[in-house]
C-alpha cells in the first residue's frame, strides 16, 4: 500500500530545490496540459482520490502540452502517452512530430514533473500518436496501446465533474467510461472495457 501511495504521489511532482555542492540552480519549468486517461479500475478510480486500489492497475494516460517550457525550451505542442502498471512499470510513447530540442527538454522534464512514471520507465520512444475527439468521446492510440472512452452523464444528462482532487493533474476532472483499452507488447498484454476514464487539465511548475 505504501508503495502505491508513493507511486501516485510521484506521478505529478512539483519540483523543490535541493541544496547541493554541485548543483546551484535547477532548471525552471512549467506546463499547462490536457490529460486523458483510462485504467483498469471500476468507475470512479479510487487512486484519483488519494486512495490507491489494492488490485493491479493498468492504465494509459495521454498528456498534450498546450503551453509550457523546460530550461528555456518551448514545449508547446508536445504530446505523449504513458502505458503503465501502477507502482511497477511504465512505457512512454512520444509523438514523433516532436522536434529534437523538445525531445531533449522532455527527457529533462519527465523526472521532475512525472516522477512516478519516470521511475518505472522501461522504454521511451518516438512513435505515431493519434488523437480523435468528438462531442462525447476521446480515442487515442500508439502502436502498442489504444484507448477509447465515452463521457458519462449524470443528473439531467449533464456531464459528471469532480472538483478538489488531490493532484495538479486533475483540474476540471470530467468522468468517462472506457469502451476499449488495450495494450500488447513484450512487457504485457491486456484488454478492458467499461472501466474508469477521465479528462482533465494539468497545471504545474517548478524551479
Protein backbone atom coordinates (compact mmCIF):
# COMPACT_ATOMS: atom_id res chain seq x y z
CA UNK A 1 0.00 0.00 0.00
CA UNK A 2 2.81 2.43 0.89
CA UNK A 3 4.49 1.67 -2.44
CA UNK A 4 1.32 2.51 -4.35
CA UNK A 5 0.86 5.78 -2.45
CA UNK A 6 4.43 6.77 -3.26
CA UNK A 7 3.88 5.96 -6.95
CA UNK A 8 0.68 8.03 -7.11
CA UNK A 9 2.30 10.99 -5.40
CA UNK A 10 5.24 10.80 -7.76
CA UNK A 11 3.26 10.74 -10.99
CA UNK A 12 3.00 14.52 -10.80
CA UNK A 13 5.72 16.01 -8.63
CA UNK A 14 6.16 19.74 -8.12
CA UNK A 15 9.91 20.28 -8.07
CA UNK A 16 11.50 21.66 -4.92
CA UNK A 17 15.11 22.92 -4.96
CA UNK A 18 17.54 20.68 -3.07
CA UNK A 19 20.75 22.13 -1.69
CA UNK A 20 23.85 20.61 -3.28
CA UNK A 21 27.51 21.46 -3.54
CA UNK A 22 27.46 20.57 -7.24
CA UNK A 23 24.05 21.94 -8.26
CA UNK A 24 23.23 25.60 -7.72
CA UNK A 25 20.07 26.13 -9.78
CA UNK A 26 17.55 23.57 -11.01
CA UNK A 27 16.06 24.24 -14.47
CA UNK A 28 12.86 26.27 -14.39
CA UNK A 29 9.83 24.58 -15.91
CA UNK A 30 6.08 24.96 -16.23
CA UNK A 31 3.38 23.12 -18.14
CA UNK A 32 -0.30 23.54 -18.89
CA UNK A 33 -1.67 20.39 -20.48
CA UNK A 34 -4.79 18.44 -21.34
CA UNK A 35 -4.91 15.00 -19.73
CA UNK A 36 -6.92 11.93 -20.76
CA UNK A 37 -6.71 8.53 -19.10
CA UNK A 38 -8.30 5.14 -18.85
CA UNK A 39 -7.33 2.49 -16.33
CA UNK A 40 -8.49 -0.93 -15.21
CA UNK A 41 -10.22 0.38 -12.06
CA UNK A 42 -14.00 0.50 -11.81
CA UNK A 43 -15.68 3.90 -12.13
CA UNK A 44 -14.64 6.06 -10.35
CA UNK A 45 -10.98 5.17 -9.83
CA UNK A 46 -10.09 5.42 -6.10
CA UNK A 47 -6.46 6.21 -6.98
CA UNK A 48 -7.50 9.66 -8.20
CA UNK A 49 -8.93 10.39 -4.74
CA UNK A 50 -5.64 9.54 -3.00
CA UNK A 51 -6.76 6.03 -2.03
CA UNK A 52 -4.94 3.66 -4.42
CA UNK A 53 -6.57 0.36 -5.25
CA UNK A 54 -5.04 -2.81 -3.83
CA UNK A 55 -5.65 -4.56 -7.15
CA UNK A 56 -3.20 -4.35 -10.07
CA UNK A 57 -3.98 -1.18 -12.02
CA UNK A 58 -3.19 -0.94 -15.73
CA UNK A 59 -3.59 2.46 -17.34
CA UNK A 60 -2.79 4.58 -20.36
CA UNK A 61 -2.55 8.34 -19.92
CA UNK A 62 -2.39 10.95 -22.68
CA UNK A 63 -0.68 14.31 -21.98
CA UNK A 64 -0.99 17.12 -24.54
CA UNK A 65 1.03 20.20 -23.59
CA UNK A 66 -0.56 23.39 -24.95
CA UNK A 67 1.71 25.80 -23.06
CA UNK A 68 4.98 25.14 -21.27
CA UNK A 69 8.75 25.19 -21.16
CA UNK A 70 11.73 23.41 -19.64
CA UNK A 71 15.07 25.14 -19.16
CA UNK A 72 14.21 27.71 -21.81
CA UNK A 73 12.86 25.28 -24.41
CA UNK A 74 9.27 25.81 -25.56
CA UNK A 75 7.18 22.64 -25.08
CA UNK A 76 4.01 23.87 -26.79
CA UNK A 77 2.56 21.11 -28.95
CA UNK A 78 4.42 18.24 -27.27
CA UNK A 79 2.21 15.21 -26.65
CA UNK A 80 2.89 11.74 -25.31
CA UNK A 81 1.12 8.68 -23.92
CA UNK A 82 2.15 6.57 -20.94
CA UNK A 83 1.02 2.96 -20.52
CA UNK A 84 1.68 1.64 -17.03
CA UNK A 85 1.14 -0.93 -14.34
CA UNK A 86 0.87 1.33 -11.31
CA UNK A 87 3.82 1.07 -8.97
CA UNK A 88 5.72 -1.32 -11.23
CA UNK A 89 6.48 -0.16 -14.78
CA UNK A 90 5.68 2.35 -17.48
CA UNK A 91 6.27 2.75 -21.22
CA UNK A 92 6.34 6.29 -22.63
CA UNK A 93 5.38 6.99 -26.24
CA UNK A 94 6.24 10.46 -27.57
CA UNK A 95 4.55 11.84 -30.68
CA UNK A 96 7.09 11.51 -33.47
CA UNK A 97 6.34 15.05 -34.67
CA UNK A 98 8.35 16.41 -31.73
CA UNK A 99 11.46 18.48 -32.52
CA UNK A 100 14.86 17.20 -31.34
CA UNK A 101 15.30 20.12 -28.91
CA UNK A 102 11.84 19.43 -27.44
CA UNK A 103 12.65 15.74 -27.04
CA UNK A 104 15.78 16.62 -25.09
CA UNK A 105 13.77 19.03 -22.90
CA UNK A 106 11.07 16.41 -22.33
CA UNK A 107 13.71 13.94 -21.17
CA UNK A 108 14.72 16.53 -18.55
CA UNK A 109 11.11 17.26 -17.59
CA UNK A 110 10.00 13.67 -17.00
CA UNK A 111 11.84 13.02 -13.71
CA UNK A 112 10.67 16.29 -12.12
CA UNK A 113 7.08 16.55 -13.42
CA UNK A 114 6.21 12.87 -13.90
CA UNK A 115 8.41 11.19 -11.31
CA UNK A 116 6.25 8.10 -10.81
CA UNK A 117 6.15 7.30 -14.50
CA UNK A 118 9.85 8.05 -14.94
CA UNK A 119 10.95 5.88 -12.02
CA UNK A 120 9.43 2.75 -13.53
CA UNK A 121 10.17 3.63 -17.16
CA UNK A 122 11.04 0.65 -19.33
CA UNK A 123 11.10 2.50 -22.63
CA UNK A 124 10.93 5.99 -24.11
CA UNK A 125 10.35 6.12 -27.83
CA UNK A 126 9.04 8.32 -30.61
CA UNK A 127 6.05 6.81 -32.36
CA UNK A 128 2.97 7.90 -34.34
CA UNK A 129 0.34 9.12 -31.86
CA UNK A 130 -3.27 9.57 -32.98
CA UNK A 131 -5.94 11.53 -31.06
CA UNK A 132 -9.58 11.84 -32.16
CA UNK A 133 -12.20 13.80 -30.23
CA UNK A 134 -15.95 14.04 -30.75
CA UNK A 135 -18.59 15.66 -28.55
CA UNK A 136 -18.70 12.75 -26.08
CA UNK A 137 -15.73 10.54 -26.94
CA UNK A 138 -11.94 10.59 -26.99
CA UNK A 139 -9.85 7.97 -28.78
CA UNK A 140 -6.07 7.88 -28.77
CA UNK A 141 -3.54 5.31 -29.86
CA UNK A 142 0.11 4.44 -30.26
CA UNK A 143 1.42 1.25 -31.88
CA UNK A 144 1.16 -0.82 -28.67
CA UNK A 145 -1.81 0.82 -26.88
CA UNK A 146 -5.30 2.03 -27.77
CA UNK A 147 -7.86 3.84 -25.60
CA UNK A 148 -11.45 4.83 -26.38
CA UNK A 149 -13.59 6.50 -23.70
CA UNK A 150 -17.11 7.94 -23.65
CA UNK A 151 -18.42 10.70 -21.41
CA UNK A 152 -20.76 9.63 -18.63
CA UNK A 153 -23.91 11.64 -17.93
CA UNK A 154 -25.45 12.47 -14.59
CA UNK A 155 -28.45 14.47 -13.36
CA UNK A 156 -30.47 15.91 -16.24
CA UNK A 157 -27.98 14.49 -18.70
CA UNK A 158 -25.19 16.78 -17.53
CA UNK A 159 -21.52 15.73 -17.57
CA UNK A 160 -20.23 14.41 -14.24
CA UNK A 161 -17.44 16.65 -12.95
CA UNK A 162 -15.37 16.42 -9.78
CA UNK A 163 -13.51 19.31 -8.13
CA UNK A 164 -10.81 19.40 -5.48
CA UNK A 165 -8.98 16.17 -6.30
CA UNK A 166 -5.52 15.93 -4.67
CA UNK A 167 -3.34 16.38 -7.75
CA UNK A 168 -2.48 19.26 -10.12
CA UNK A 169 -3.18 16.80 -12.97
CA UNK A 170 -6.87 16.55 -12.06
CA UNK A 171 -8.18 20.09 -12.66
CA UNK A 172 -11.59 20.19 -14.33
CA UNK A 173 -11.94 16.42 -13.95
CA UNK A 174 -14.79 15.01 -16.07
CA UNK A 175 -15.90 11.40 -15.68
CA UNK A 176 -15.74 8.99 -18.62
CA UNK A 177 -16.07 5.23 -19.09
CA UNK A 178 -13.86 3.14 -21.35
CA UNK A 179 -15.24 1.36 -24.39
CA UNK A 180 -11.82 -0.06 -25.22
CA UNK A 181 -8.43 -0.04 -23.52
CA UNK A 182 -5.84 -2.41 -24.93
CA UNK A 183 -2.10 -2.96 -24.84
CA UNK A 184 0.09 -5.58 -26.46
CA UNK A 185 3.87 -5.65 -26.17
CA UNK A 186 6.69 -7.84 -24.95
CA UNK A 187 6.10 -6.37 -21.47
CA UNK A 188 2.37 -7.01 -21.10
CA UNK A 189 -0.92 -7.71 -22.79
CA UNK A 190 -4.34 -6.57 -21.54
CA UNK A 191 -7.79 -5.55 -22.70
CA UNK A 192 -10.51 -3.73 -20.74
CA UNK A 193 -13.85 -2.03 -21.32
CA UNK A 194 -16.40 -0.42 -19.00
CA UNK A 195 -13.64 0.78 -16.67
CA UNK A 196 -12.67 4.23 -15.44
CA UNK A 197 -11.82 7.08 -17.78
CA UNK A 198 -11.49 10.83 -17.38
CA UNK A 199 -10.40 14.08 -18.95
CA UNK A 200 -8.78 16.91 -17.02
CA UNK A 201 -6.20 19.68 -17.12
CA UNK A 202 -2.74 19.69 -15.59
CA UNK A 203 -1.12 22.87 -14.31
CA UNK A 204 2.28 22.54 -12.65
CA UNK A 205 5.61 24.31 -12.41
CA UNK A 206 8.88 24.11 -10.60
CA UNK A 207 12.37 25.52 -10.26
